[in-house]
Amino acid sequence: MTTSDMIIQLCEKLSISIEEISRRIGQSPQNFNKKLKRNTVSLDELMAIEDVLGVTFE
């Protein structure tokens, strides 16, 4: 499972859109969607998602 897949599953589980997460971490939805499609989400972005959603990636 890729990092992008984990983020998408987490969004579905928490009933939050990708667009909402991207806004909360300070990115445009278009840019973040491109990163998900290319699986190029950085470690800093993952840490920001953890903080915003109160979860931990392992």
PDB file of N, CA and C in Angstrom:
ATOM      1  N   MET A   1       0.845  -1.178   0.000  1.00  0.00           N
ATOM      2  CA  MET A   1       0.000   0.000   0.000  1.00  0.00           C
ATOM      3  C   MET A   1       0.893   1.246   0.000  1.00  0.00           C
ATOM      4  N   THR A   2       0.583   2.160  -0.890  1.00  0.00           N
ATOM      5  CA  THR A   2       1.379   3.383  -0.989  1.00  0.00           C
ATOM      6  C   THR A   2       0.925   4.403   0.058  1.00  0.00           C
ATOM      7  N   THR A   3       1.742   5.399   0.242  1.00  0.00           N
ATOM      8  CA  THR A   3       1.398   6.486   1.168  1.00  0.00           C
ATOM      9  C   THR A   3       0.120   7.183   0.719  1.00  0.00           C
ATOM     10  N   SER A   4       0.000   7.392  -0.569  1.00  0.00           N
ATOM     11  CA  SER A   4      -1.202   8.035  -1.105  1.00  0.00           C
ATOM     12  C   SER A   4      -2.450   7.210  -0.806  1.00  0.00           C
ATOM     13  N   ASP A   5      -2.333   5.897  -0.952  1.00  0.00           N
ATOM     14  CA  ASP A   5      -3.459   5.008  -0.644  1.00  0.00           C
ATOM     15  C   ASP A   5      -3.863   5.128   0.821  1.00  0.00           C
ATOM     16  N   MET A   6      -2.871   5.205   1.700  1.00  0.00           N
ATOM     17  CA  MET A   6      -3.164   5.336   3.132  1.00  0.00           C
ATOM     18  C   MET A   6      -3.886   6.646   3.432  1.00  0.00           C
ATOM     19  N   ILE A   7      -3.458   7.725   2.791  1.00  0.00           N
ATOM     20  CA  ILE A   7      -4.098   9.027   3.002  1.00  0.00           C
ATOM     21  C   ILE A   7      -5.536   8.991   2.513  1.00  0.00           C
ATOM     22  N   ILE A   8      -5.757   8.407   1.356  1.00  0.00           N
ATOM     23  CA  ILE A   8      -7.103   8.322   0.792  1.00  0.00           C
ATOM     24  C   ILE A   8      -8.008   7.471   1.680  1.00  0.00           C
ATOM     25  N   GLN A   9      -7.502   6.332   2.162  1.00  0.00           N
ATOM     26  CA  GLN A   9      -8.286   5.482   3.062  1.00  0.00           C
ATOM     27  C   GLN A   9      -8.613   6.205   4.358  1.00  0.00           C
ATOM     28  N   LEU A  10      -7.666   6.931   4.882  1.00  0.00           N
ATOM     29  CA  LEU A  10      -7.881   7.682   6.112  1.00  0.00           C
ATOM     30  C   LEU A  10      -8.975   8.730   5.916  1.00  0.00           C
ATOM     31  N   CYS A  11      -8.950   9.393   4.784  1.00  0.00           N
ATOM     32  CA  CYS A  11      -9.986  10.384   4.475  1.00  0.00           C
ATOM     33  C   CYS A  11     -11.363   9.735   4.454  1.00  0.00           C
ATOM     34  N   GLU A  12     -11.453   8.587   3.811  1.00  0.00           N
ATOM     35  CA  GLU A  12     -12.731   7.882   3.753  1.00  0.00           C
ATOM     36  C   GLU A  12     -13.192   7.465   5.142  1.00  0.00           C
ATOM     37  N   LYS A  13     -12.267   6.961   5.937  1.00  0.00           N
ATOM     38  CA  LYS A  13     -12.602   6.498   7.295  1.00  0.00           C
ATOM     39  C   LYS A  13     -13.085   7.654   8.176  1.00  0.00           C
ATOM     40  N   LEU A  14     -12.439   8.819   8.042  1.00  0.00           N
ATOM     41  CA  LEU A  14     -12.778   9.972   8.872  1.00  0.00           C
ATOM     42  C   LEU A  14     -13.832  10.880   8.227  1.00  0.00           C
ATOM     43  N   SER A  15     -14.306  10.500   7.060  1.00  0.00           N
ATOM     44  CA  SER A  15     -15.305  11.282   6.318  1.00  0.00           C
ATOM     45  C   SER A  15     -14.854  12.729   6.102  1.00  0.00           C
ATOM     46  N   ILE A  16     -13.644  12.859   5.613  1.00  0.00           N
ATOM     47  CA  ILE A  16     -13.089  14.176   5.296  1.00  0.00           C
ATOM     48  C   ILE A  16     -12.558  14.124   3.865  1.00  0.00           C
ATOM     49  N   SER A  17     -12.721  15.183   3.145  1.00  0.00           N
ATOM     50  CA  SER A  17     -12.295  15.190   1.749  1.00  0.00           C
ATOM     51  C   SER A  17     -10.800  15.498   1.633  1.00  0.00           C
ATOM     52  N   ILE A  18     -10.248  15.065   0.522  1.00  0.00           N
ATOM     53  CA  ILE A  18      -8.857  15.378   0.204  1.00  0.00           C
ATOM     54  C   ILE A  18      -8.680  16.894   0.128  1.00  0.00           C
ATOM     55  N   GLU A  19      -9.680  17.562  -0.420  1.00  0.00           N
ATOM     56  CA  GLU A  19      -9.627  19.023  -0.547  1.00  0.00           C
ATOM     57  C   GLU A  19      -9.522  19.686   0.823  1.00  0.00           C
ATOM     58  N   GLU A  20     -10.277  19.177   1.789  1.00  0.00           N
ATOM     59  CA  GLU A  20     -10.244  19.752   3.142  1.00  0.00           C
ATOM     60  C   GLU A  20      -8.876  19.534   3.791  1.00  0.00           C
ATOM     61  N   ILE A  21      -8.320  18.356   3.634  1.00  0.00           N
ATOM     62  CA  ILE A  21      -6.984  18.099   4.195  1.00  0.00           C
ATOM     63  C   ILE A  21      -5.965  19.023   3.547  1.00  0.00           C
ATOM     64  N   SER A  22      -6.035  19.167   2.240  1.00  0.00           N
ATOM     65  CA  SER A  22      -5.056  20.022   1.558  1.00  0.00           C
ATOM     66  C   SER A  22      -5.139  21.452   2.064  1.00  0.00           C
ATOM     67  N   ARG A  23      -6.352  21.948   2.281  1.00  0.00           N
ATOM     68  CA  ARG A  23      -6.496  23.315   2.804  1.00  0.00           C
ATOM     69  C   ARG A  23      -5.931  23.421   4.220  1.00  0.00           C
ATOM     70  N   ARG A  24      -6.191  22.408   5.033  1.00  0.00           N
ATOM     71  CA  ARG A  24      -5.715  22.437   6.419  1.00  0.00           C
ATOM     72  C   ARG A  24      -4.203  22.405   6.531  1.00  0.00           C
ATOM     73  N   ILE A  25      -3.535  21.801   5.542  1.00  0.00           N
ATOM     74  CA  ILE A  25      -2.066  21.778   5.587  1.00  0.00           C
ATOM     75  C   ILE A  25      -1.449  22.889   4.742  1.00  0.00           C
ATOM     76  N   GLY A  26      -2.310  23.777   4.223  1.00  0.00           N
ATOM     77  CA  GLY A  26      -1.807  24.959   3.537  1.00  0.00           C
ATOM     78  C   GLY A  26      -1.444  24.769   2.082  1.00  0.00           C
ATOM     79  N   GLN A  27      -2.077  23.815   1.409  1.00  0.00           N
ATOM     80  CA  GLN A  27      -1.810  23.602  -0.010  1.00  0.00           C
ATOM     81  C   GLN A  27      -3.097  23.740  -0.799  1.00  0.00           C
ATOM     82  N   SER A  28      -2.941  23.976  -2.079  1.00  0.00           N
ATOM     83  CA  SER A  28      -4.130  24.023  -2.934  1.00  0.00           C
ATOM     84  C   SER A  28      -4.588  22.586  -3.186  1.00  0.00           C
ATOM     85  N   PRO A  29      -5.889  22.381  -3.303  1.00  0.00           N
ATOM     86  CA  PRO A  29      -6.394  21.041  -3.596  1.00  0.00           C
ATOM     87  C   PRO A  29      -5.814  20.464  -4.894  1.00  0.00           C
ATOM     88  N   GLN A  30      -5.629  21.295  -5.902  1.00  0.00           N
ATOM     89  CA  GLN A  30      -5.093  20.823  -7.174  1.00  0.00           C
ATOM     90  C   GLN A  30      -3.667  20.283  -7.011  1.00  0.00           C
ATOM     91  N   ASN A  31      -2.838  21.038  -6.305  1.00  0.00           N
ATOM     92  CA  ASN A  31      -1.460  20.626  -6.098  1.00  0.00           C
ATOM     93  C   ASN A  31      -1.388  19.339  -5.286  1.00  0.00           C
ATOM     94  N   PHE A  32      -2.177  19.258  -4.221  1.00  0.00           N
ATOM     95  CA  PHE A  32      -2.128  18.072  -3.360  1.00  0.00           C
ATOM     96  C   PHE A  32      -2.650  16.842  -4.101  1.00  0.00           C
ATOM     97  N   ASN A  33      -3.693  16.999  -4.914  1.00  0.00           N
ATOM     98  CA  ASN A  33      -4.198  15.874  -5.705  1.00  0.00           C
ATOM     99  C   ASN A  33      -3.142  15.355  -6.671  1.00  0.00           C
ATOM    100  N   LYS A  34      -2.383  16.257  -7.270  1.00  0.00           N
ATOM    101  CA  LYS A  34      -1.303  15.841  -8.170  1.00  0.00           C
ATOM    102  C   LYS A  34      -0.254  15.040  -7.409  1.00  0.00           C
ATOM    103  N   LYS A  35       0.075  15.480  -6.197  1.00  0.00           N
ATOM    104  CA  LYS A  35       1.057  14.755  -5.390  1.00  0.00           C
ATOM    105  C   LYS A  35       0.553  13.369  -5.024  1.00  0.00           C
ATOM    106  N   LEU A  36      -0.739  13.260  -4.726  1.00  0.00           N
ATOM    107  CA  LEU A  36      -1.312  11.953  -4.411  1.00  0.00           C
ATOM    108  C   LEU A  36      -1.261  11.030  -5.624  1.00  0.00           C
ATOM    109  N   LYS A  37      -1.601  11.556  -6.790  1.00  0.00           N
ATOM    110  CA  LYS A  37      -1.594  10.736  -8.005  1.00  0.00           C
ATOM    111  C   LYS A  37      -0.193  10.256  -8.355  1.00  0.00           C
ATOM    112  N   ARG A  38       0.816  11.095  -8.104  1.00  0.00           N
ATOM    113  CA  ARG A  38       2.204  10.737  -8.407  1.00  0.00           C
ATOM    114  C   ARG A  38       2.894  10.039  -7.239  1.00  0.00           C
ATOM    115  N   ASN A  39       2.197   9.979  -6.102  1.00  0.00           N
ATOM    116  CA  ASN A  39       2.749   9.398  -4.872  1.00  0.00           C
ATOM    117  C   ASN A  39       4.047  10.106  -4.474  1.00  0.00           C
ATOM    118  N   THR A  40       3.987  11.440  -4.453  1.00  0.00           N
ATOM    119  CA  THR A  40       5.162  12.235  -4.098  1.00  0.00           C
ATOM    120  C   THR A  40       4.895  13.098  -2.861  1.00  0.00           C
ATOM    121  N   VAL A  41       4.099  12.586  -1.945  1.00  0.00           N
ATOM    122  CA  VAL A  41       3.808  13.311  -0.709  1.00  0.00           C
ATOM    123  C   VAL A  41       5.060  13.265   0.160  1.00  0.00           C
ATOM    124  N   SER A  42       5.503  14.425   0.627  1.00  0.00           N
ATOM    125  CA  SER A  42       6.744  14.495   1.399  1.00  0.00           C
ATOM    126  C   SER A  42       6.517  14.135   2.864  1.00  0.00           C
ATOM    127  N   LEU A  43       7.598  13.904   3.554  1.00  0.00           N
ATOM    128  CA  LEU A  43       7.538  13.588   4.980  1.00  0.00           C
ATOM    129  C   LEU A  43       6.961  14.764   5.764  1.00  0.00           C
ATOM    130  N   ASP A  44       7.342  15.972   5.389  1.00  0.00           N
ATOM    131  CA  ASP A  44       6.794  17.159   6.056  1.00  0.00           C
ATOM    132  C   ASP A  44       5.279  17.245   5.892  1.00  0.00           C
ATOM    133  N   GLU A  45       4.806  16.908   4.710  1.00  0.00           N
ATOM    134  CA  GLU A  45       3.356  16.923   4.471  1.00  0.00           C
ATOM    135  C   GLU A  45       2.657  15.840   5.283  1.00  0.00           C
ATOM    136  N   LEU A  46       3.284  14.675   5.383  1.00  0.00           N
ATOM    137  CA  LEU A  46       2.709  13.613   6.217  1.00  0.00           C
ATOM    138  C   LEU A  46       2.621  14.041   7.677  1.00  0.00           C
ATOM    139  N   MET A  47       3.650  14.687   8.154  1.00  0.00           N
ATOM    140  CA  MET A  47       3.650  15.162   9.541  1.00  0.00           C
ATOM    141  C   MET A  47       2.566  16.215   9.752  1.00  0.00           C
ATOM    142  N   ALA A  48       2.351  17.071   8.759  1.00  0.00           N
ATOM    143  CA  ALA A  48       1.294  18.083   8.856  1.00  0.00           C
ATOM    144  C   ALA A  48      -0.077  17.419   8.891  1.00  0.00           C
ATOM    145  N   ILE A  49      -0.264  16.377   8.087  1.00  0.00           N
ATOM    146  CA  ILE A  49      -1.534  15.646   8.083  1.00  0.00           C
ATOM    147  C   ILE A  49      -1.757  14.984   9.436  1.00  0.00           C
ATOM    148  N   GLU A  50      -0.704  14.397   9.996  1.00  0.00           N
ATOM    149  CA  GLU A  50      -0.818  13.793  11.332  1.00  0.00           C
ATOM    150  C   GLU A  50      -1.288  14.824  12.358  1.00  0.00           C
ATOM    151  N   ASP A  51      -0.688  15.996  12.335  1.00  0.00           N
ATOM    152  CA  ASP A  51      -1.054  17.041  13.281  1.00  0.00           C
ATOM    153  C   ASP A  51      -2.496  17.502  13.115  1.00  0.00           C
ATOM    154  N   VAL A  52      -2.892  17.697  11.870  1.00  0.00           N
ATOM    155  CA  VAL A  52      -4.227  18.204  11.574  1.00  0.00           C
ATOM    156  C   VAL A  52      -5.309  17.188  11.962  1.00  0.00           C
ATOM    157  N   LEU A  53      -5.055  15.907  11.688  1.00  0.00           N
ATOM    158  CA  LEU A  53      -6.065  14.893  11.929  1.00  0.00           C
ATOM    159  C   LEU A  53      -5.918  14.169  13.268  1.00  0.00           C
ATOM    160  N   GLY A  54      -4.798  14.368  13.936  1.00  0.00           N
ATOM    161  CA  GLY A  54      -4.585  13.711  15.212  1.00  0.00           C
ATOM    162  C   GLY A  54      -4.348  12.215  15.083  1.00  0.00           C
ATOM    163  N   VAL A  55      -3.635  11.818  14.028  1.00  0.00           N
ATOM    164  CA  VAL A  55      -3.326  10.404  13.784  1.00  0.00           C
ATOM    165  C   VAL A  55      -1.818  10.231  13.686  1.00  0.00           C
ATOM    166  N   THR A  56      -1.391   8.976  13.599  1.00  0.00           N
ATOM    167  CA  THR A  56       0.028   8.680  13.437  1.00  0.00           C
ATOM    168  C   THR A  56       0.200   7.670  12.316  1.00  0.00           C
ATOM    169  N   PHE A  57       1.103   7.950  11.391  1.00  0.00           N
ATOM    170  CA  PHE A  57       1.437   6.995  10.333  1.00  0.00           C
ATOM    171  C   PHE A  57       2.592   6.146  10.795  1.00  0.00           C
ATOM    172  N   GLU A  58       2.511   4.850  10.527  1.00  0.00           N
ATOM    173  CA  GLU A  58       3.596   3.934  10.920  1.00  0.00           C
ATOM    174  C   GLU A  58       4.140   3.227   9.706  1.00  0.00           C
TER     175      GLU A  58
END
